[in-house]
PDB file of N, CA and C in Angstrom:
ATOM      1  N   MET A   1     106.364   4.389  46.516  1.00  0.00           N
ATOM      2  CA  MET A   1     107.074   4.711  47.786  1.00  0.00           C
ATOM      3  C   MET A   1     105.846   4.059  48.869  1.00  0.00           C
ATOM      4  N   ASN A   2     106.138   3.632  49.941  1.00  0.00           N
ATOM      5  CA  ASN A   2     105.108   3.015  50.872  1.00  0.00           C
ATOM      6  C   ASN A   2     105.342   4.362  52.091  1.00  0.00           C
ATOM      7  N   ASN A   3     104.326   4.645  52.655  1.00  0.00           N
ATOM      8  CA  ASN A   3     104.214   5.456  53.687  1.00  0.00           C
ATOM      9  C   ASN A   3     103.582   4.827  54.764  1.00  0.00           C
ATOM     10  N   GLY A   4     103.651   5.353  56.110  1.00  0.00           N
ATOM     11  CA  GLY A   4     102.872   4.715  57.112  1.00  0.00           C
ATOM     12  C   GLY A   4     102.856   5.789  58.300  1.00  0.00           C
ATOM     13  N   TYR A   5     101.734   5.532  59.084  1.00  0.00           N
ATOM     14  CA  TYR A   5     101.752   6.115  60.424  1.00  0.00           C
ATOM     15  C   TYR A   5     100.866   5.621  61.211  1.00  0.00           C
ATOM     16  N   THR A   6     100.679   6.019  62.363  1.00  0.00           N
ATOM     17  CA  THR A   6      99.841   5.448  63.439  1.00  0.00           C
ATOM     18  C   THR A   6      98.564   6.330  63.737  1.00  0.00           C
ATOM     19  N   PHE A   7      97.456   5.723  64.025  1.00  0.00           N
ATOM     20  CA  PHE A   7      96.278   6.627  64.431  1.00  0.00           C
ATOM     21  C   PHE A   7      95.579   5.923  65.683  1.00  0.00           C
ATOM     22  N   ILE A   8      94.811   6.579  66.399  1.00  0.00           N
ATOM     23  CA  ILE A   8      94.113   5.957  67.556  1.00  0.00           C
ATOM     24  C   ILE A   8      92.587   5.894  67.113  1.00  0.00           C
ATOM     25  N   ALA A   9      92.067   4.838  67.293  1.00  0.00           N
ATOM     26  CA  ALA A   9      90.654   4.682  66.842  1.00  0.00           C
ATOM     27  C   ALA A   9      89.754   4.188  67.942  1.00  0.00           C
ATOM     28  N   ASN A  10      88.782   4.790  68.327  1.00  0.00           N
ATOM     29  CA  ASN A  10      87.732   4.321  69.213  1.00  0.00           C
ATOM     30  C   ASN A  10      86.855   3.383  68.701  1.00  0.00           C
ATOM     31  N   ALA A  11      87.141   2.134  69.235  1.00  0.00           N
ATOM     32  CA  ALA A  11      86.112   1.054  68.675  1.00  0.00           C
ATOM     33  C   ALA A  11      85.402   0.219  69.890  1.00  0.00           C
ATOM     34  N   PHE A  12      84.189   0.526  69.814  1.00  0.00           N
ATOM     35  CA  PHE A  12      83.395  -0.251  70.957  1.00  0.00           C
ATOM     36  C   PHE A  12      84.051   0.222  72.354  1.00  0.00           C
ATOM     37  N   ALA A  13      84.325   1.564  72.575  1.00  0.00           N
ATOM     38  CA  ALA A  13      84.586   2.062  73.783  1.00  0.00           C
ATOM     39  C   ALA A  13      85.944   1.866  74.368  1.00  0.00           C
ATOM     40  N   SER A  14      86.605   0.904  73.581  1.00  0.00           N
ATOM     41  CA  SER A  14      88.172   0.702  73.968  1.00  0.00           C
ATOM     42  C   SER A  14      89.130   1.346  73.050  1.00  0.00           C
ATOM     43  N   MET A  15      90.313   1.882  73.309  1.00  0.00           N
ATOM     44  CA  MET A  15      91.323   2.414  72.434  1.00  0.00           C
ATOM     45  C   MET A  15      92.004   1.244  71.934  1.00  0.00           C
ATOM     46  N   LYS A  16      92.189   1.489  70.726  1.00  0.00           N
ATOM     47  CA  LYS A  16      93.072   0.635  70.086  1.00  0.00           C
ATOM     48  C   LYS A  16      94.276   1.494  69.216  1.00  0.00           C
ATOM     49  N   GLN A  17      95.341   0.927  69.115  1.00  0.00           N
ATOM     50  CA  GLN A  17      96.454   1.816  68.136  1.00  0.00           C
ATOM     51  C   GLN A  17      96.666   0.918  66.924  1.00  0.00           C
ATOM     52  N   PHE A  18      96.573   1.587  65.689  1.00  0.00           N
ATOM     53  CA  PHE A  18      96.996   0.605  64.518  1.00  0.00           C
ATOM     54  C   PHE A  18      97.961   1.277  63.655  1.00  0.00           C
ATOM     55  N   THR A  19      98.722   0.639  62.999  1.00  0.00           N
ATOM     56  CA  THR A  19      99.478   1.129  62.037  1.00  0.00           C
ATOM     57  C   THR A  19      98.947   1.077  60.691  1.00  0.00           C
ATOM     58  N   LEU A  20      98.943   2.342  59.930  1.00  0.00           N
ATOM     59  CA  LEU A  20      98.225   2.398  58.683  1.00  0.00           C
ATOM     60  C   LEU A  20      99.563   2.573  57.737  1.00  0.00           C
ATOM     61  N   GLU A  21      99.398   1.645  56.708  1.00  0.00           N
ATOM     62  CA  GLU A  21     100.180   1.704  55.402  1.00  0.00           C
ATOM     63  C   GLU A  21      99.535   2.175  54.296  1.00  0.00           C
ATOM     64  N   TYR A  22     100.209   3.262  53.702  1.00  0.00           N
ATOM     65  CA  TYR A  22      99.405   3.847  52.420  1.00  0.00           C
ATOM     66  C   TYR A  22     100.487   4.106  51.363  1.00  0.00           C
ATOM     67  N   TRP A  23      99.870   4.172  50.209  1.00  0.00           N
ATOM     68  CA  TRP A  23     100.626   4.483  48.998  1.00  0.00           C
ATOM     69  C   TRP A  23      99.738   5.287  48.025  1.00  0.00           C
ATOM     70  N   MET A  24     100.383   5.853  46.969  1.00  0.00           N
ATOM     71  CA  MET A  24      99.713   6.594  45.890  1.00  0.00           C
ATOM     72  C   MET A  24      99.302   5.260  44.718  1.00  0.00           C
ATOM     73  N   ASP A  25      98.231   5.175  44.146  1.00  0.00           N
ATOM     74  CA  ASP A  25      97.947   4.390  43.119  1.00  0.00           C
ATOM     75  C   ASP A  25      97.058   5.112  42.016  1.00  0.00           C
ATOM     76  N   ASP A  26      97.845   5.685  40.876  1.00  0.00           N
ATOM     77  CA  ASP A  26      96.934   6.116  39.935  1.00  0.00           C
ATOM     78  C   ASP A  26      96.280   7.447  40.460  1.00  0.00           C
ATOM     79  N   GLY A  27      96.875   8.026  41.271  1.00  0.00           N
ATOM     80  CA  GLY A  27      96.331   9.429  41.877  1.00  0.00           C
ATOM     81  C   GLY A  27      95.454   9.247  43.151  1.00  0.00           C
ATOM     82  N   TRP A  28      95.196   8.079  43.544  1.00  0.00           N
ATOM     83  CA  TRP A  28      94.449   7.675  44.753  1.00  0.00           C
ATOM     84  C   TRP A  28      95.322   7.263  45.935  1.00  0.00           C
ATOM     85  N   TYR A  29      94.974   7.710  47.290  1.00  0.00           N
ATOM     86  CA  TYR A  29      95.500   7.041  48.254  1.00  0.00           C
ATOM     87  C   TYR A  29      94.959   5.746  48.617  1.00  0.00           C
ATOM     88  N   VAL A  30      95.755   4.785  48.584  1.00  0.00           N
ATOM     89  CA  VAL A  30      95.204   3.487  48.893  1.00  0.00           C
ATOM     90  C   VAL A  30      96.114   2.837  50.017  1.00  0.00           C
ATOM     91  N   GLY A  31      95.408   2.053  50.896  1.00  0.00           N
ATOM     92  CA  GLY A  31      96.316   1.453  52.036  1.00  0.00           C
ATOM     93  C   GLY A  31      95.524   0.604  52.802  1.00  0.00           C
ATOM     94  N   ARG A  32      96.059   0.187  53.938  1.00  0.00           N
ATOM     95  CA  ARG A  32      95.499  -0.890  54.911  1.00  0.00           C
ATOM     96  C   ARG A  32      95.863  -0.714  56.419  1.00  0.00           C
ATOM     97  N   LEU A  33      95.344  -1.439  57.303  1.00  0.00           N
ATOM     98  CA  LEU A  33      95.599  -1.541  58.484  1.00  0.00           C
ATOM     99  C   LEU A  33      96.786  -2.602  58.599  1.00  0.00           C
ATOM    100  N   LYS A  34      97.850  -2.151  59.159  1.00  0.00           N
ATOM    101  CA  LYS A  34      98.872  -3.369  58.983  1.00  0.00           C
ATOM    102  C   LYS A  34      98.672  -4.594  60.050  1.00  0.00           C
ATOM    103  N   GLU A  35      97.844  -4.501  61.136  1.00  0.00           N
ATOM    104  CA  GLU A  35      97.484  -5.324  62.062  1.00  0.00           C
ATOM    105  C   GLU A  35      96.368  -5.960  61.554  1.00  0.00           C
ATOM    106  N   SER A  36      95.467  -5.541  60.401  1.00  0.00           N
ATOM    107  CA  SER A  36      94.289  -6.021  60.157  1.00  0.00           C
ATOM    108  C   SER A  36      94.243  -5.791  58.591  1.00  0.00           C
ATOM    109  N   PRO A  37      95.121  -6.718  57.826  1.00  0.00           N
ATOM    110  CA  PRO A  37      95.250  -6.488  56.373  1.00  0.00           C
ATOM    111  C   PRO A  37      93.928  -6.571  55.683  1.00  0.00           C
ATOM    112  N   ASN A  38      92.887  -7.171  56.039  1.00  0.00           N
ATOM    113  CA  ASN A  38      91.572  -7.197  55.269  1.00  0.00           C
ATOM    114  C   ASN A  38      91.125  -6.140  55.260  1.00  0.00           C
ATOM    115  N   VAL A  39      91.360  -4.979  56.173  1.00  0.00           N
ATOM    116  CA  VAL A  39      90.690  -3.621  56.083  1.00  0.00           C
ATOM    117  C   VAL A  39      91.725  -2.799  55.184  1.00  0.00           C
ATOM    118  N   LEU A  40      90.936  -2.492  53.916  1.00  0.00           N
ATOM    119  CA  LEU A  40      91.845  -2.025  52.731  1.00  0.00           C
ATOM    120  C   LEU A  40      90.838  -1.018  52.171  1.00  0.00           C
ATOM    121  N   ARG A  41      91.380   0.210  51.847  1.00  0.00           N
ATOM    122  CA  ARG A  41      90.429   1.395  51.329  1.00  0.00           C
ATOM    123  C   ARG A  41      91.185   2.158  50.597  1.00  0.00           C
ATOM    124  N   GLN A  42      90.550   3.216  49.812  1.00  0.00           N
ATOM    125  CA  GLN A  42      91.183   4.156  49.042  1.00  0.00           C
ATOM    126  C   GLN A  42      90.469   5.436  49.024  1.00  0.00           C
ATOM    127  N   GLY A  43      90.992   6.617  48.792  1.00  0.00           N
ATOM    128  CA  GLY A  43      90.210   7.787  48.814  1.00  0.00           C
ATOM    129  C   GLY A  43      91.145   8.994  47.988  1.00  0.00           C
ATOM    130  N   GLU A  44      90.426  10.009  47.424  1.00  0.00           N
ATOM    131  CA  GLU A  44      91.235  10.837  46.634  1.00  0.00           C
ATOM    132  C   GLU A  44      91.881  11.814  47.360  1.00  0.00           C
ATOM    133  N   THR A  45      91.727  11.966  48.510  1.00  0.00           N
ATOM    134  CA  THR A  45      92.660  12.875  49.480  1.00  0.00           C
ATOM    135  C   THR A  45      93.005  11.785  50.748  1.00  0.00           C
ATOM    136  N   LEU A  46      93.948  12.247  51.363  1.00  0.00           N
ATOM    137  CA  LEU A  46      94.355  11.609  52.603  1.00  0.00           C
ATOM    138  C   LEU A  46      93.458  11.544  53.650  1.00  0.00           C
ATOM    139  N   GLU A  47      92.853  12.711  53.826  1.00  0.00           N
ATOM    140  CA  GLU A  47      91.688  12.735  54.690  1.00  0.00           C
ATOM    141  C   GLU A  47      90.512  11.828  54.350  1.00  0.00           C
ATOM    142  N   GLU A  48      90.316  11.839  53.032  1.00  0.00           N
ATOM    143  CA  GLU A  48      89.005  10.821  52.672  1.00  0.00           C
ATOM    144  C   GLU A  48      89.459   9.366  52.950  1.00  0.00           C
ATOM    145  N   TRP A  49      90.734   9.248  52.692  1.00  0.00           N
ATOM    146  CA  TRP A  49      90.972   7.674  53.026  1.00  0.00           C
ATOM    147  C   TRP A  49      91.144   7.468  54.379  1.00  0.00           C
ATOM    148  N   GLN A  50      91.598   8.369  55.352  1.00  0.00           N
ATOM    149  CA  GLN A  50      91.470   8.186  56.491  1.00  0.00           C
ATOM    150  C   GLN A  50      90.227   7.813  57.171  1.00  0.00           C
ATOM    151  N   GLU A  51      89.177   8.640  56.690  1.00  0.00           N
ATOM    152  CA  GLU A  51      87.785   8.604  57.243  1.00  0.00           C
ATOM    153  C   GLU A  51      87.371   7.124  56.543  1.00  0.00           C
ATOM    154  N   ASN A  52      87.589   6.759  55.220  1.00  0.00           N
ATOM    155  CA  ASN A  52      87.242   5.427  54.563  1.00  0.00           C
ATOM    156  C   ASN A  52      87.798   4.287  55.436  1.00  0.00           C
ATOM    157  N   ILE A  53      89.081   4.540  55.858  1.00  0.00           N
ATOM    158  CA  ILE A  53      89.659   3.353  56.296  1.00  0.00           C
ATOM    159  C   ILE A  53      89.179   2.996  57.974  1.00  0.00           C
ATOM    160  N   ARG A  54      88.858   4.182  58.531  1.00  0.00           N
ATOM    161  CA  ARG A  54      87.987   3.897  59.754  1.00  0.00           C
ATOM    162  C   ARG A  54      86.693   3.324  59.865  1.00  0.00           C
ATOM    163  N   HIS A  55      86.033   3.802  58.875  1.00  0.00           N
ATOM    164  CA  HIS A  55      84.618   3.259  58.535  1.00  0.00           C
ATOM    165  C   HIS A  55      84.677   1.701  58.171  1.00  0.00           C
ATOM    166  N   ALA A  56      85.731   1.367  57.381  1.00  0.00           N
ATOM    167  CA  ALA A  56      85.796  -0.098  57.041  1.00  0.00           C
ATOM    168  C   ALA A  56      86.212  -0.806  58.276  1.00  0.00           C
ATOM    169  N   TYR A  57      87.120  -0.349  59.245  1.00  0.00           N
ATOM    170  CA  TYR A  57      87.596  -1.049  60.253  1.00  0.00           C
ATOM    171  C   TYR A  57      86.141  -1.325  61.313  1.00  0.00           C
ATOM    172  N   GLN A  58      85.447  -0.307  61.423  1.00  0.00           N
ATOM    173  CA  GLN A  58      84.195  -0.128  62.183  1.00  0.00           C
ATOM    174  C   GLN A  58      83.447  -1.263  61.613  1.00  0.00           C
ATOM    175  N   LEU A  59      83.196  -1.516  60.380  1.00  0.00           N
ATOM    176  CA  LEU A  59      82.197  -2.336  59.688  1.00  0.00           C
ATOM    177  C   LEU A  59      82.596  -3.737  59.836  1.00  0.00           C
ATOM    178  N   VAL A  60      84.046  -4.111  59.839  1.00  0.00           N
ATOM    179  CA  VAL A  60      84.578  -5.241  60.153  1.00  0.00           C
ATOM    180  C   VAL A  60      84.396  -5.796  61.423  1.00  0.00           C
ATOM    181  N   MET A  61      84.730  -4.775  62.739  1.00  0.00           N
ATOM    182  CA  MET A  61      84.424  -5.050  63.932  1.00  0.00           C
ATOM    183  C   MET A  61      82.765  -5.458  64.363  1.00  0.00           C
ATOM    184  N   ALA A  62      81.862  -4.728  63.559  1.00  0.00           N
ATOM    185  CA  ALA A  62      80.538  -4.812  64.096  1.00  0.00           C
ATOM    186  C   ALA A  62      80.218  -6.102  63.454  1.00  0.00           C
ATOM    187  N   ASP A  63      80.732  -6.534  62.211  1.00  0.00           N
ATOM    188  CA  ASP A  63      80.342  -7.920  61.642  1.00  0.00           C
ATOM    189  C   ASP A  63      80.800  -8.996  62.528  1.00  0.00           C
ATOM    190  N   ALA A  64      82.079  -8.841  62.901  1.00  0.00           N
ATOM    191  CA  ALA A  64      82.602  -9.864  63.853  1.00  0.00           C
ATOM    192  C   ALA A  64      81.742 -10.048  65.107  1.00  0.00           C
ATOM    193  N   ALA A  65      81.500  -8.764  65.736  1.00  0.00           N
ATOM    194  CA  ALA A  65      80.371  -8.920  66.890  1.00  0.00           C
ATOM    195  C   ALA A  65      79.230  -9.408  66.671  1.00  0.00           C
ATOM    196  N   ASP A  66      78.616  -9.259  65.488  1.00  0.00           N
ATOM    197  CA  ASP A  66      77.341  -9.793  64.967  1.00  0.00           C
ATOM    198  C   ASP A  66      77.585 -11.540  64.837  1.00  0.00           C
ATOM    199  N   LYS A  67      78.666 -11.975  64.535  1.00  0.00           N
ATOM    200  CA  LYS A  67      78.784 -13.527  64.311  1.00  0.00           C
ATOM    201  C   LYS A  67      79.415 -14.032  65.529  1.00  0.00           C
ATOM    202  N   ALA A  68      79.751 -13.357  66.638  1.00  0.00           N
ATOM    203  CA  ALA A  68      80.373 -13.715  67.814  1.00  0.00           C
ATOM    204  C   ALA A  68      79.230 -14.722  68.498  1.00  0.00           C
ATOM    205  N   TYR A  69      79.667 -15.958  69.150  1.00  0.00           N
ATOM    206  CA  TYR A  69      78.829 -16.609  69.833  1.00  0.00           C
ATOM    207  C   TYR A  69      78.781 -16.484  71.207  1.00  0.00           C
ATOM    208  N   VAL A  70      77.765 -16.346  71.920  1.00  0.00           N
ATOM    209  CA  VAL A  70      77.796 -15.919  73.334  1.00  0.00           C
ATOM    210  C   VAL A  70      77.025 -16.904  74.014  1.00  0.00           C
ATOM    211  N   PRO A  71      77.628 -18.025  74.853  1.00  0.00           N
ATOM    212  CA  PRO A  71      76.876 -19.037  75.431  1.00  0.00           C
ATOM    213  C   PRO A  71      75.878 -18.396  76.321  1.00  0.00           C
ATOM    214  N   SER A  72      74.825 -19.182  76.526  1.00  0.00           N
ATOM    215  CA  SER A  72      73.797 -18.703  77.405  1.00  0.00           C
ATOM    216  C   SER A  72      74.299 -19.559  78.839  1.00  0.00           C
ATOM    217  N   SER A  73      73.846 -18.725  80.103  1.00  0.00           N
ATOM    218  CA  SER A  73      74.298 -19.619  81.234  1.00  0.00           C
ATOM    219  C   SER A  73      73.350 -20.587  81.698  1.00  0.00           C
TER     220      SER A  73
END
């Protein structure tokens, strides 16, 4: 059974809204951000999973910011 809900994340001082999709797999909550499917995590509890998915998103955004090219003027 697939569940989903929306949460608000504060990433780099701008508010963004995401749709989370999660399911149970062998006793673990597993899920992803629908808008960013490469952000996938698991947790033993729903609260742990939420924390893990937020942290994963922050890491992906930090990595993208590190790789961004900013031309000098």
